[in-house]
Amino acid sequence: MAPRSTPTSRQRRLAAELRRMREQAGVSIQQAATMLGADRTMVSNIEAARTGLSEERVRQLACNYGCADDALISALASLTGGRRNQDWWVEYRGKLPDGFLDISEIEHHATRIRTAQTVHLPGLLQTEEHARALFDLVVPKLPRLEVELRVAHRQGRQGIFERKDPTPYVGIIHEAALRMQFGGPDVARTQLEYLADAADRDNITLLVIPFSVGSFPGAGQSILYAHGPVPQLDTVQLDTAYGPHFVDAPTPLTNYRALLDLMEESALCPDESQKLIRSIARDT
C-alpha cells in the first residue's frame, strides 16, 4: 500500500493513540513489529499515519498492547472508517490550509462541542458578513478569492446544527466579544440577533460572562473542546496567529475541561445571557 501524503485529522489521531497505547504498555517498536510479524518500518508508518489500518488490525494492536478498555478499542476501530471523498470539506483541500479542514472533521464527528471566546464570536455561529469582516483583517491581506473560500467554509461548518441529530453545543462568550463591531454597526447588530436566535435552539446553549464579573479563569483564551465517543478521544483546538493548534494529550485535556467548567461558573445563566445579547443588539 502506497504511503499517505495527507492523512486526515482522524487518521493522525488514530496513529497517535496507538503510539500512546504502545508506549504506556512499555512495548518497543521492535517488539510491536515482532508481535505483528512485520518489520519496524510498518509500525513506524502506522504511528505516523502514513499507512491505513483495518478495524481488525487496530484490535490486534490493542490486544498486543494489553489494552482491556473495550469502549476505547471500539472507538479507535471506528476511526478506520469514513467516507473521505464524500465529506463536504474535501472540496477545499488544496485551496485552504489543512488546519481548516481538520477543524471541520473534528467538529463533524464530535459528540458534543464546547467553546470559549473573549474577543471573537464562535466561528460556528458567525454570519457571512461578520466572518468576511474578520477575514478582511488578516495580515498580510488575503486575496478576495481566499476570503470568500474561508467564509464559505466557515458557513459549511454550521451544517452540524442542521442535520437530523444536531450536535449539542455550549458556547461561552465574554461580553467584550459581543461589543466588538466587526464590519460596522449594521453587521454587528445582525450578527448579535442571529446569535440570540441561535440560543433558542434546543441543542445550543450560550453563556455570557459579563464585564461585572471582573477577572475569571481562562481570560484571553479562545478554546474549542470537541468531545469524542470516549474521553480519551476528546480534542482541543486553540486559535493562534499561525493557524489552529490541536491538543490531545490526557493531562491538558483534563485541564481544559476543568477550565471550561470554571468559565461556565463565571457566566450568566442561559436566559440572562440571551437577554444581554439582545440588549446589546438593540443598543448597537
Protein backbone atom coordinates (compact mmCIF):
# COMPACT_ATOMS: atom_id res chain seq x y z
CA MET A 1 0.00 0.00 0.00
CA ALA A 2 1.41 3.38 -1.01
CA PRO A 3 2.11 5.74 1.93
CA ARG A 4 -0.39 8.52 2.52
CA SER A 5 0.73 12.03 1.67
CA THR A 6 -2.02 13.93 3.50
CA PRO A 7 -3.55 11.93 6.37
CA THR A 8 -6.75 13.36 7.83
CA SER A 9 -7.15 14.57 11.39
CA ARG A 10 -8.84 11.32 12.42
CA GLN A 11 -6.14 9.22 10.80
CA ARG A 12 -3.43 11.16 12.62
CA ARG A 13 -5.34 10.83 15.90
CA LEU A 14 -5.66 7.06 15.48
CA ALA A 15 -1.93 6.84 14.84
CA ALA A 16 -1.12 8.98 17.88
CA GLU A 17 -3.39 6.94 20.17
CA LEU A 18 -1.85 3.66 19.02
CA ARG A 19 1.61 5.06 19.69
CA ARG A 20 0.49 6.26 23.12
CA MET A 21 -1.03 2.85 23.86
CA ARG A 22 2.19 1.07 22.87
CA GLU A 23 4.37 3.37 24.98
CA GLN A 24 2.10 3.02 28.03
CA ALA A 25 2.38 -0.76 27.67
CA GLY A 26 6.18 -0.50 27.65
CA VAL A 27 6.39 -2.17 24.24
CA SER A 28 9.19 -1.10 21.91
CA ILE A 29 8.71 -0.54 18.20
CA GLN A 30 10.75 -3.69 17.53
CA GLN A 31 8.64 -5.75 19.93
CA ALA A 32 5.45 -4.40 18.36
CA ALA A 33 6.75 -5.33 14.91
CA THR A 34 7.63 -8.84 16.06
CA MET A 35 4.14 -9.38 17.50
CA LEU A 36 2.68 -8.26 14.17
CA GLY A 37 5.03 -10.43 12.19
CA ALA A 38 6.23 -7.30 10.40
CA ASP A 39 9.25 -5.02 10.39
CA ARG A 40 9.92 -1.79 12.30
CA THR A 41 9.08 0.29 9.25
CA MET A 42 5.48 -0.90 9.25
CA VAL A 43 4.98 0.07 12.90
CA SER A 44 6.65 3.45 12.29
CA ASN A 45 4.38 4.06 9.30
CA ILE A 46 1.30 3.10 11.34
CA GLU A 47 2.26 5.52 14.12
CA ALA A 48 2.95 8.31 11.64
CA ALA A 49 -0.42 7.79 9.90
CA ARG A 50 1.40 7.00 6.69
CA THR A 51 -0.42 3.72 6.19
CA GLY A 52 -4.04 2.68 6.51
CA LEU A 53 -5.42 0.24 9.07
CA SER A 54 -8.39 -2.11 9.22
CA GLU A 55 -10.58 -2.48 12.30
CA GLU A 56 -9.13 -5.96 12.76
CA ARG A 57 -5.58 -4.63 12.76
CA VAL A 58 -6.46 -1.95 15.32
CA ARG A 59 -7.99 -4.58 17.61
CA GLN A 60 -4.93 -6.79 17.13
CA LEU A 61 -2.60 -3.97 18.12
CA ALA A 62 -4.74 -3.16 21.18
CA CYS A 63 -4.61 -6.81 22.21
CA ASN A 64 -0.83 -6.92 21.73
CA TYR A 65 -0.51 -3.86 23.97
CA GLY A 66 -2.70 -5.38 26.69
CA CYS A 67 -5.49 -2.79 26.42
CA ALA A 68 -8.67 -4.00 28.14
CA ASP A 69 -10.75 -0.84 27.58
CA ASP A 70 -13.41 -2.13 25.19
CA ALA A 71 -15.01 1.29 24.72
CA LEU A 72 -11.70 2.85 23.74
CA ILE A 73 -10.82 -0.03 21.41
CA SER A 74 -14.19 0.21 19.64
CA ALA A 75 -13.84 4.00 19.32
CA LEU A 76 -10.35 3.60 17.83
CA ALA A 77 -11.60 0.92 15.43
CA SER A 78 -14.30 3.33 14.24
CA LEU A 79 -11.61 5.83 13.23
CA THR A 80 -10.50 3.49 10.45
CA GLY A 81 -13.75 4.05 8.54
CA GLY A 82 -15.12 7.18 6.94
CA ARG A 83 -16.06 8.50 3.53
CA ARG A 84 -13.15 10.83 2.91
CA ASN A 85 -14.05 11.59 -0.69
CA GLN A 86 -17.66 12.36 0.26
CA ASP A 87 -17.05 14.72 3.17
CA TRP A 88 -18.15 18.26 2.29
CA TRP A 89 -14.86 19.87 3.30
CA VAL A 90 -12.83 17.81 0.82
CA GLU A 91 -13.64 20.36 -1.89
CA TYR A 92 -11.44 22.84 -0.01
CA ARG A 93 -8.34 20.60 0.02
CA GLY A 94 -5.51 22.42 -1.68
CA LYS A 95 -7.49 25.68 -1.56
CA LEU A 96 -7.35 26.35 2.19
CA PRO A 97 -4.74 25.44 4.83
CA ASP A 98 -5.13 21.88 6.10
CA GLY A 99 -5.91 23.17 9.60
CA PHE A 100 -9.26 24.48 8.36
CA LEU A 101 -10.18 21.03 7.10
CA ASP A 102 -9.04 19.44 10.37
CA ILE A 103 -11.41 21.69 12.33
CA SER A 104 -14.29 20.67 10.05
CA GLU A 105 -13.54 16.98 10.51
CA ILE A 106 -13.21 17.24 14.29
CA GLU A 107 -16.48 19.18 14.62
CA HIS A 108 -18.32 16.84 12.26
CA HIS A 109 -17.51 13.79 14.35
CA ALA A 110 -17.75 15.38 17.81
CA THR A 111 -20.45 14.07 20.12
CA ARG A 112 -20.58 17.46 21.89
CA ILE A 113 -18.80 20.78 21.47
CA ARG A 114 -17.89 23.47 23.99
CA THR A 115 -16.20 26.73 23.04
CA ALA A 116 -14.97 29.80 24.86
CA GLN A 117 -14.24 33.20 23.28
CA THR A 118 -13.28 36.52 24.84
CA VAL A 119 -12.77 38.74 21.76
CA HIS A 120 -14.27 36.88 18.80
CA LEU A 121 -17.66 35.23 18.48
CA PRO A 122 -17.90 31.47 17.91
CA GLY A 123 -16.98 30.55 14.34
CA LEU A 124 -19.84 28.05 14.31
CA LEU A 125 -22.34 30.88 14.83
CA GLN A 126 -20.97 33.67 12.64
CA THR A 127 -22.93 35.26 9.81
CA GLU A 128 -21.32 35.56 6.38
CA GLU A 129 -20.87 39.31 6.76
CA HIS A 130 -19.26 39.01 10.18
CA ALA A 131 -16.89 36.26 9.03
CA ARG A 132 -15.98 38.27 5.91
CA ALA A 133 -15.16 41.32 8.05
CA LEU A 134 -12.82 39.18 10.19
CA PHE A 135 -11.00 37.62 7.24
CA ASP A 136 -10.58 41.06 5.68
CA LEU A 137 -8.43 41.96 8.70
CA VAL A 138 -5.91 39.13 8.23
CA VAL A 139 -2.30 40.28 7.85
CA PRO A 140 -0.91 40.03 5.25
CA LYS A 141 -4.14 40.80 3.44
CA LEU A 142 -5.80 37.79 1.84
CA PRO A 143 -6.77 37.73 -1.85
CA ARG A 144 -10.51 38.20 -2.34
CA LEU A 145 -10.92 34.61 -3.58
CA GLU A 146 -9.37 33.17 -0.43
CA VAL A 147 -11.53 35.41 1.76
CA GLU A 148 -14.64 34.07 0.04
CA LEU A 149 -13.40 30.48 0.31
CA ARG A 150 -12.83 30.92 4.04
CA VAL A 151 -16.26 32.47 4.50
CA ALA A 152 -17.95 29.65 2.58
CA HIS A 153 -16.01 27.05 4.55
CA ARG A 154 -16.98 28.66 7.86
CA GLN A 155 -20.64 28.62 6.81
CA GLY A 156 -20.31 24.98 5.82
CA ARG A 157 -19.19 24.09 9.33
CA GLN A 158 -22.61 25.11 10.61
CA GLY A 159 -24.06 22.03 8.94
CA ILE A 160 -23.56 20.13 12.20
CA PHE A 161 -26.55 22.08 13.52
CA GLU A 162 -28.77 21.32 10.53
CA ARG A 163 -28.60 17.54 10.41
CA LYS A 164 -31.19 15.16 11.86
CA ASP A 165 -29.36 14.87 15.18
CA PRO A 166 -27.69 18.27 15.63
CA THR A 167 -24.53 18.37 17.70
CA PRO A 168 -25.06 19.61 21.28
CA TYR A 169 -23.18 22.88 21.68
CA VAL A 170 -22.25 25.15 24.60
CA GLY A 171 -20.66 28.50 23.77
CA ILE A 172 -19.09 30.66 26.47
CA ILE A 173 -18.72 34.28 25.29
CA HIS A 174 -17.30 37.25 27.13
CA GLU A 175 -19.29 40.48 26.89
CA ALA A 176 -16.30 42.12 25.18
CA ALA A 177 -16.79 39.85 22.16
CA LEU A 178 -20.43 40.91 21.95
CA ARG A 179 -19.47 44.58 21.80
CA MET A 180 -16.78 44.29 19.11
CA GLN A 181 -18.38 45.79 15.99
CA PHE A 182 -16.52 43.95 13.25
CA GLY A 183 -17.87 45.16 9.91
CA GLY A 184 -19.63 48.16 11.46
CA PRO A 185 -22.85 48.62 13.48
CA ASP A 186 -25.24 47.08 10.93
CA VAL A 187 -23.18 43.90 10.52
CA ALA A 188 -22.68 43.69 14.29
CA ARG A 189 -26.41 44.11 15.01
CA THR A 190 -27.38 41.42 12.52
CA GLN A 191 -24.75 39.12 13.97
CA LEU A 192 -25.97 39.60 17.54
CA GLU A 193 -29.57 39.00 16.54
CA TYR A 194 -28.51 35.81 14.76
CA LEU A 195 -26.62 34.74 17.89
CA ALA A 196 -29.61 35.38 20.14
CA ASP A 197 -31.93 33.46 17.81
CA ALA A 198 -29.49 30.53 17.75
CA ALA A 199 -29.78 30.31 21.53
CA ASP A 200 -33.46 29.37 21.06
CA ARG A 201 -32.43 26.03 19.55
CA ASP A 202 -32.66 23.03 21.87
CA ASN A 203 -29.10 21.90 21.10
CA ILE A 204 -27.43 25.31 21.53
CA THR A 205 -26.62 26.92 24.88
CA LEU A 206 -24.92 30.31 25.04
CA LEU A 207 -23.40 31.58 28.29
CA VAL A 208 -22.18 35.16 28.56
CA ILE A 209 -19.52 36.28 31.02
CA PRO A 210 -20.43 39.93 31.78
CA PHE A 211 -17.96 42.73 32.45
CA SER A 212 -19.30 42.87 36.01
CA VAL A 213 -17.63 39.55 36.83
CA GLY A 214 -14.21 41.17 36.54
CA SER A 215 -11.38 38.64 36.34
CA PHE A 216 -12.11 34.99 35.57
CA PRO A 217 -10.19 31.80 34.71
CA GLY A 218 -9.26 31.47 31.04
CA ALA A 219 -9.43 35.18 30.27
CA GLY A 220 -8.00 35.94 26.84
CA GLN A 221 -8.19 32.36 25.57
CA SER A 222 -10.08 31.01 22.58
CA ILE A 223 -10.91 27.33 23.04
CA LEU A 224 -12.85 24.72 21.09
CA TYR A 225 -13.36 21.47 23.00
CA ALA A 226 -14.70 18.62 20.86
CA HIS A 227 -15.91 15.60 22.82
CA GLY A 228 -15.19 12.24 21.24
CA PRO A 229 -17.03 8.93 21.67
CA VAL A 230 -14.81 8.29 24.73
CA PRO A 231 -12.95 10.91 26.81
CA GLN A 232 -9.56 9.66 25.58
CA LEU A 233 -10.51 10.81 22.07
CA ASP A 234 -11.52 14.36 23.00
CA THR A 235 -9.70 17.15 21.16
CA VAL A 236 -8.98 20.78 21.98
CA GLN A 237 -8.40 23.32 19.21
CA LEU A 238 -6.73 26.63 20.04
CA ASP A 239 -6.52 29.66 17.76
CA THR A 240 -3.07 31.09 17.10
CA ALA A 241 -1.73 33.77 14.78
CA TYR A 242 -0.33 30.99 12.59
CA GLY A 243 -3.41 28.82 12.36
CA PRO A 244 -5.18 26.26 14.58
CA HIS A 245 -3.27 24.25 17.18
CA PHE A 246 -4.64 20.88 18.34
CA VAL A 247 -4.22 19.30 21.77
CA ASP A 248 -4.99 15.65 22.57
CA ALA A 249 -2.68 14.62 25.44
CA PRO A 250 -4.58 13.34 28.52
CA THR A 251 -3.37 15.87 31.11
CA PRO A 252 -4.02 19.01 29.02
CA LEU A 253 -7.47 17.66 28.08
CA THR A 254 -8.30 17.26 31.76
CA ASN A 255 -7.06 20.79 32.46
CA TYR A 256 -9.10 22.31 29.63
CA ARG A 257 -12.25 20.52 30.79
CA ALA A 258 -11.73 21.97 34.26
CA LEU A 259 -11.03 25.43 32.83
CA LEU A 260 -14.23 25.44 30.79
CA ASP A 261 -16.18 24.32 33.86
CA LEU A 262 -14.78 27.30 35.78
CA MET A 263 -15.59 29.67 32.93
CA GLU A 264 -19.18 28.40 32.87
CA GLU A 265 -19.44 29.12 36.59
CA SER A 266 -18.45 32.75 35.86
CA ALA A 267 -21.14 33.16 33.21
CA LEU A 268 -24.75 34.23 33.40
CA CYS A 269 -27.45 31.57 33.08
CA PRO A 270 -28.71 30.86 29.53
CA ASP A 271 -31.81 33.08 29.83
CA GLU A 272 -29.89 36.04 31.24
CA SER A 273 -27.17 35.53 28.65
CA GLN A 274 -29.70 35.68 25.82
CA LYS A 275 -31.27 38.81 27.29
CA LEU A 276 -27.87 40.51 27.42
CA ILE A 277 -27.13 39.59 23.81
CA ARG A 278 -30.45 41.07 22.64
CA SER A 279 -29.92 44.18 24.78
CA ILE A 280 -26.53 44.83 23.22
CA ALA A 281 -28.01 44.23 19.76
CA ARG A 282 -30.68 46.87 20.40
CA ASP A 283 -28.05 49.38 21.57
CA THR A 284 -25.72 48.76 18.62
